[in-house]
Amino acid sequence: EASALFDEALPVMRAELGEDNARLGAFFVQEAGMYARSGEHQRAVDRLDATLQIYAAALKPDHPEVGTALLGRGQARVALEQPDAAESDLLRAAEILESGLGAEHPYTIEAQAAVVSLYESQGESVKAQPWRDKLQALPPELQPDL
């Protein structure tokens, strides 16, 4: 039912905002999250690809919204067992989010934890360690469960 609501709202959003409006990209991020939560990871990746195209026209490449979209796409690619593509997205997301939002922002922490999780799932604990160290340097109340 949520998918039907997004489908109904999309033409209105496009007409009101235009194709290259960052708010349309944010709408797509919400839709992609719905797909990911329902296990439709390829649909999430497809929608986030469209989001990143919009953001490329509307935002600077290091804008936090770009980082958020890359984080979502990286997580979906992990679920699709596409580790190389996921790694690229998650590393770039972690860089953008830390630079734009700071080390203690929840999105930054989520991206860095996703990098740790990806590397450790592949048995690459050496690659995971610097990211783990960053997270363990956070105040205890901000440290994620790894």
C-alpha atoms as a PDB file:
ATOM      1  CA  GLU A   1       0.000   0.000   0.000  1.00  0.00           C
ATOM      2  CA  ALA A   2       2.877   2.400   0.691  1.00  0.00           C
ATOM      3  CA  SER A   3       4.263   1.663  -2.754  1.00  0.00           C
ATOM      4  CA  ALA A   4       0.955   2.676  -4.303  1.00  0.00           C
ATOM      5  CA  LEU A   5       1.067   5.974  -2.407  1.00  0.00           C
ATOM      6  CA  PHE A   6       4.573   6.694  -3.710  1.00  0.00           C
ATOM      7  CA  ASP A   7       3.453   5.823  -7.238  1.00  0.00           C
ATOM      8  CA  GLU A   8       0.508   8.193  -6.904  1.00  0.00           C
ATOM      9  CA  ALA A   9       2.609  11.031  -5.493  1.00  0.00           C
ATOM     10  CA  LEU A  10       5.502  10.762  -7.959  1.00  0.00           C
ATOM     11  CA  PRO A  11       3.875  12.471 -10.974  1.00  0.00           C
ATOM     12  CA  VAL A  12       2.739  15.324  -8.745  1.00  0.00           C
ATOM     13  CA  MET A  13       6.215  15.706  -7.247  1.00  0.00           C
ATOM     14  CA  ARG A  14       7.819  15.693 -10.692  1.00  0.00           C
ATOM     15  CA  ALA A  15       5.366  18.261 -12.031  1.00  0.00           C
ATOM     16  CA  GLU A  16       5.730  20.549  -9.028  1.00  0.00           C
ATOM     17  CA  LEU A  17       9.471  20.276  -8.475  1.00  0.00           C
ATOM     18  CA  GLY A  18      11.013  19.399 -11.822  1.00  0.00           C
ATOM     19  CA  GLU A  19      13.309  16.501 -12.606  1.00  0.00           C
ATOM     20  CA  ASP A  20      16.510  17.941 -11.114  1.00  0.00           C
ATOM     21  CA  ASN A  21      15.205  19.168  -7.790  1.00  0.00           C
ATOM     22  CA  ALA A  22      16.968  17.865  -4.683  1.00  0.00           C
ATOM     23  CA  ARG A  23      13.596  17.526  -2.915  1.00  0.00           C
ATOM     24  CA  LEU A  24      12.573  14.986  -5.574  1.00  0.00           C
ATOM     25  CA  GLY A  25      15.786  13.128  -4.775  1.00  0.00           C
ATOM     26  CA  ALA A  26      14.865  13.139  -1.080  1.00  0.00           C
ATOM     27  CA  PHE A  27      11.473  11.700  -2.014  1.00  0.00           C
ATOM     28  CA  PHE A  28      13.285   8.921  -3.898  1.00  0.00           C
ATOM     29  CA  VAL A  29      15.477   8.224  -0.857  1.00  0.00           C
ATOM     30  CA  GLN A  30      12.339   7.668   1.220  1.00  0.00           C
ATOM     31  CA  GLU A  31      10.916   5.386  -1.450  1.00  0.00           C
ATOM     32  CA  ALA A  32      14.192   3.435  -1.639  1.00  0.00           C
ATOM     33  CA  GLY A  33      14.114   2.978   2.123  1.00  0.00           C
ATOM     34  CA  MET A  34      10.640   1.490   1.840  1.00  0.00           C
ATOM     35  CA  TYR A  35      11.897  -0.939  -0.806  1.00  0.00           C
ATOM     36  CA  ALA A  36      14.912  -1.919   1.275  1.00  0.00           C
ATOM     37  CA  ARG A  37      12.800  -2.518   4.387  1.00  0.00           C
ATOM     38  CA  SER A  38      10.526  -4.800   2.364  1.00  0.00           C
ATOM     39  CA  GLY A  39      13.491  -6.761   0.976  1.00  0.00           C
ATOM     40  CA  GLU A  40      13.292  -5.296  -2.531  1.00  0.00           C
ATOM     41  CA  HIS A  41      16.952  -4.337  -2.583  1.00  0.00           C
ATOM     42  CA  GLN A  42      17.363  -4.086  -6.346  1.00  0.00           C
ATOM     43  CA  ARG A  43      14.445  -1.656  -6.529  1.00  0.00           C
ATOM     44  CA  ALA A  44      16.117   0.342  -3.760  1.00  0.00           C
ATOM     45  CA  VAL A  45      19.382   0.442  -5.736  1.00  0.00           C
ATOM     46  CA  ASP A  46      17.524   1.518  -8.878  1.00  0.00           C
ATOM     47  CA  ARG A  47      15.742   4.320  -7.052  1.00  0.00           C
ATOM     48  CA  LEU A  48      18.971   5.461  -5.382  1.00  0.00           C
ATOM     49  CA  ASP A  49      20.700   5.484  -8.782  1.00  0.00           C
ATOM     50  CA  ALA A  50      17.995   7.921  -9.929  1.00  0.00           C
ATOM     51  CA  THR A  51      18.472   9.919  -6.726  1.00  0.00           C
ATOM     52  CA  LEU A  52      22.195  10.232  -7.299  1.00  0.00           C
ATOM     53  CA  GLN A  53      21.586  11.431 -10.865  1.00  0.00           C
ATOM     54  CA  ILE A  54      19.304  14.149  -9.516  1.00  0.00           C
ATOM     55  CA  TYR A  55      21.795  15.072  -6.799  1.00  0.00           C
ATOM     56  CA  ALA A  56      24.604  15.267  -9.385  1.00  0.00           C
ATOM     57  CA  ALA A  57      22.658  18.066 -11.105  1.00  0.00           C
ATOM     58  CA  ALA A  58      21.304  19.759  -7.973  1.00  0.00           C
ATOM     59  CA  LEU A  59      23.960  19.428  -5.257  1.00  0.00           C
ATOM     60  CA  LYS A  60      27.703  19.514  -4.762  1.00  0.00           C
ATOM     61  CA  PRO A  61      29.350  16.063  -4.941  1.00  0.00           C
ATOM     62  CA  ASP A  62      30.233  16.142  -1.242  1.00  0.00           C
ATOM     63  CA  HIS A  63      26.812  17.239   0.023  1.00  0.00           C
ATOM     64  CA  PRO A  64      25.583  15.129   2.968  1.00  0.00           C
ATOM     65  CA  GLU A  65      22.450  14.142   1.019  1.00  0.00           C
ATOM     66  CA  VAL A  66      24.751  12.499  -1.542  1.00  0.00           C
ATOM     67  CA  GLY A  67      26.424  10.646   1.323  1.00  0.00           C
ATOM     68  CA  THR A  68      23.078   9.495   2.662  1.00  0.00           C
ATOM     69  CA  ALA A  69      22.021   8.167  -0.749  1.00  0.00           C
ATOM     70  CA  LEU A  70      25.363   6.373  -1.161  1.00  0.00           C
ATOM     71  CA  LEU A  71      24.965   4.834   2.292  1.00  0.00           C
ATOM     72  CA  GLY A  72      21.534   3.478   1.383  1.00  0.00           C
ATOM     73  CA  ARG A  73      22.740   2.163  -1.959  1.00  0.00           C
ATOM     74  CA  GLY A  74      25.775   0.566  -0.317  1.00  0.00           C
ATOM     75  CA  GLN A  75      23.595  -1.170   2.254  1.00  0.00           C
ATOM     76  CA  ALA A  76      21.271  -2.440  -0.477  1.00  0.00           C
ATOM     77  CA  ARG A  77      24.253  -3.709  -2.451  1.00  0.00           C
ATOM     78  CA  VAL A  78      25.476  -5.580   0.636  1.00  0.00           C
ATOM     79  CA  ALA A  79      22.077  -7.274   0.798  1.00  0.00           C
ATOM     80  CA  LEU A  80      22.378  -8.110  -2.922  1.00  0.00           C
ATOM     81  CA  GLU A  81      25.807  -9.636  -2.283  1.00  0.00           C
ATOM     82  CA  GLN A  82      27.622  -7.065  -4.434  1.00  0.00           C
ATOM     83  CA  PRO A  83      30.571  -6.420  -2.101  1.00  0.00           C
ATOM     84  CA  ASP A  84      32.789  -4.456  -4.498  1.00  0.00           C
ATOM     85  CA  ALA A  85      30.046  -1.985  -5.420  1.00  0.00           C
ATOM     86  CA  ALA A  86      28.937  -1.821  -1.776  1.00  0.00           C
ATOM     87  CA  GLU A  87      32.483  -1.078  -0.621  1.00  0.00           C
ATOM     88  CA  SER A  88      32.835   1.825  -3.048  1.00  0.00           C
ATOM     89  CA  ASP A  89      29.497   3.334  -1.978  1.00  0.00           C
ATOM     90  CA  LEU A  90      30.072   2.851   1.746  1.00  0.00           C
ATOM     91  CA  LEU A  91      33.591   4.262   1.742  1.00  0.00           C
ATOM     92  CA  ARG A  92      32.506   7.359  -0.179  1.00  0.00           C
ATOM     93  CA  ALA A  93      29.439   7.743   2.064  1.00  0.00           C
ATOM     94  CA  ALA A  94      31.556   7.527   5.218  1.00  0.00           C
ATOM     95  CA  GLU A  95      33.944  10.165   3.840  1.00  0.00           C
ATOM     96  CA  ILE A  96      31.199  12.574   2.773  1.00  0.00           C
ATOM     97  CA  LEU A  97      29.167  12.181   5.946  1.00  0.00           C
ATOM     98  CA  GLU A  98      32.095  12.611   8.315  1.00  0.00           C
ATOM     99  CA  SER A  99      33.270  15.684   6.419  1.00  0.00           C
ATOM    100  CA  GLY A 100      29.818  17.240   6.175  1.00  0.00           C
ATOM    101  CA  LEU A 101      28.119  16.174   9.387  1.00  0.00           C
ATOM    102  CA  GLY A 102      30.964  15.321  11.757  1.00  0.00           C
ATOM    103  CA  ALA A 103      32.265  12.143  13.323  1.00  0.00           C
ATOM    104  CA  GLU A 104      29.518  11.950  15.954  1.00  0.00           C
ATOM    105  CA  HIS A 105      26.526  12.256  13.625  1.00  0.00           C
ATOM    106  CA  PRO A 106      24.342   9.126  13.531  1.00  0.00           C
ATOM    107  CA  TYR A 107      24.597   8.833   9.721  1.00  0.00           C
ATOM    108  CA  THR A 108      28.396   9.008   9.875  1.00  0.00           C
ATOM    109  CA  ILE A 109      28.458   6.346  12.564  1.00  0.00           C
ATOM    110  CA  GLU A 110      26.056   4.168  10.566  1.00  0.00           C
ATOM    111  CA  ALA A 111      28.231   4.443   7.446  1.00  0.00           C
ATOM    112  CA  GLN A 112      31.427   3.629   9.310  1.00  0.00           C
ATOM    113  CA  ALA A 113      29.789   0.675  11.063  1.00  0.00           C
ATOM    114  CA  ALA A 114      28.569  -0.578   7.674  1.00  0.00           C
ATOM    115  CA  VAL A 115      32.160  -0.474   6.384  1.00  0.00           C
ATOM    116  CA  VAL A 116      33.333  -2.492   9.406  1.00  0.00           C
ATOM    117  CA  SER A 117      30.525  -4.994   8.924  1.00  0.00           C
ATOM    118  CA  LEU A 118      31.241  -5.400   5.207  1.00  0.00           C
ATOM    119  CA  TYR A 119      34.955  -5.978   5.714  1.00  0.00           C
ATOM    120  CA  GLU A 120      34.444  -8.363   8.603  1.00  0.00           C
ATOM    121  CA  SER A 121      31.845 -10.351   6.647  1.00  0.00           C
ATOM    122  CA  GLN A 122      34.536 -10.876   4.020  1.00  0.00           C
ATOM    123  CA  GLY A 123      37.153 -11.909   6.576  1.00  0.00           C
ATOM    124  CA  GLU A 124      39.130  -8.685   6.046  1.00  0.00           C
ATOM    125  CA  SER A 125      39.673  -7.674   9.648  1.00  0.00           C
ATOM    126  CA  VAL A 126      42.828  -5.715   8.762  1.00  0.00           C
ATOM    127  CA  LYS A 127      40.781  -3.414   6.508  1.00  0.00           C
ATOM    128  CA  ALA A 128      38.060  -3.160   9.150  1.00  0.00           C
ATOM    129  CA  GLN A 129      40.397  -2.202  12.004  1.00  0.00           C
ATOM    130  CA  PRO A 130      40.947   1.507  11.213  1.00  0.00           C
ATOM    131  CA  TRP A 131      37.180   1.971  10.945  1.00  0.00           C
ATOM    132  CA  ARG A 132      36.635   0.033  14.152  1.00  0.00           C
ATOM    133  CA  ASP A 133      39.236   2.255  15.847  1.00  0.00           C
ATOM    134  CA  LYS A 134      37.384   5.404  14.711  1.00  0.00           C
ATOM    135  CA  LEU A 135      34.146   4.082  16.150  1.00  0.00           C
ATOM    136  CA  GLN A 136      35.756   2.997  19.412  1.00  0.00           C
ATOM    137  CA  ALA A 137      37.206   6.512  19.805  1.00  0.00           C
ATOM    138  CA  LEU A 138      33.680   7.924  20.014  1.00  0.00           C
ATOM    139  CA  PRO A 139      32.094   8.641  23.389  1.00  0.00           C
ATOM    140  CA  PRO A 140      30.785   5.341  24.774  1.00  0.00           C
ATOM    141  CA  GLU A 141      27.139   6.351  24.420  1.00  0.00           C
ATOM    142  CA  LEU A 142      27.639   6.836  20.656  1.00  0.00           C
ATOM    143  CA  GLN A 143      29.534   3.637  19.912  1.00  0.00           C
ATOM    144  CA  PRO A 144      27.525   1.184  17.846  1.00  0.00           C
ATOM    145  CA  ASP A 145      27.342  -2.501  18.578  1.00  0.00           C
ATOM    146  CA  LEU A 146      29.768  -4.150  16.198  1.00  0.00           C
END
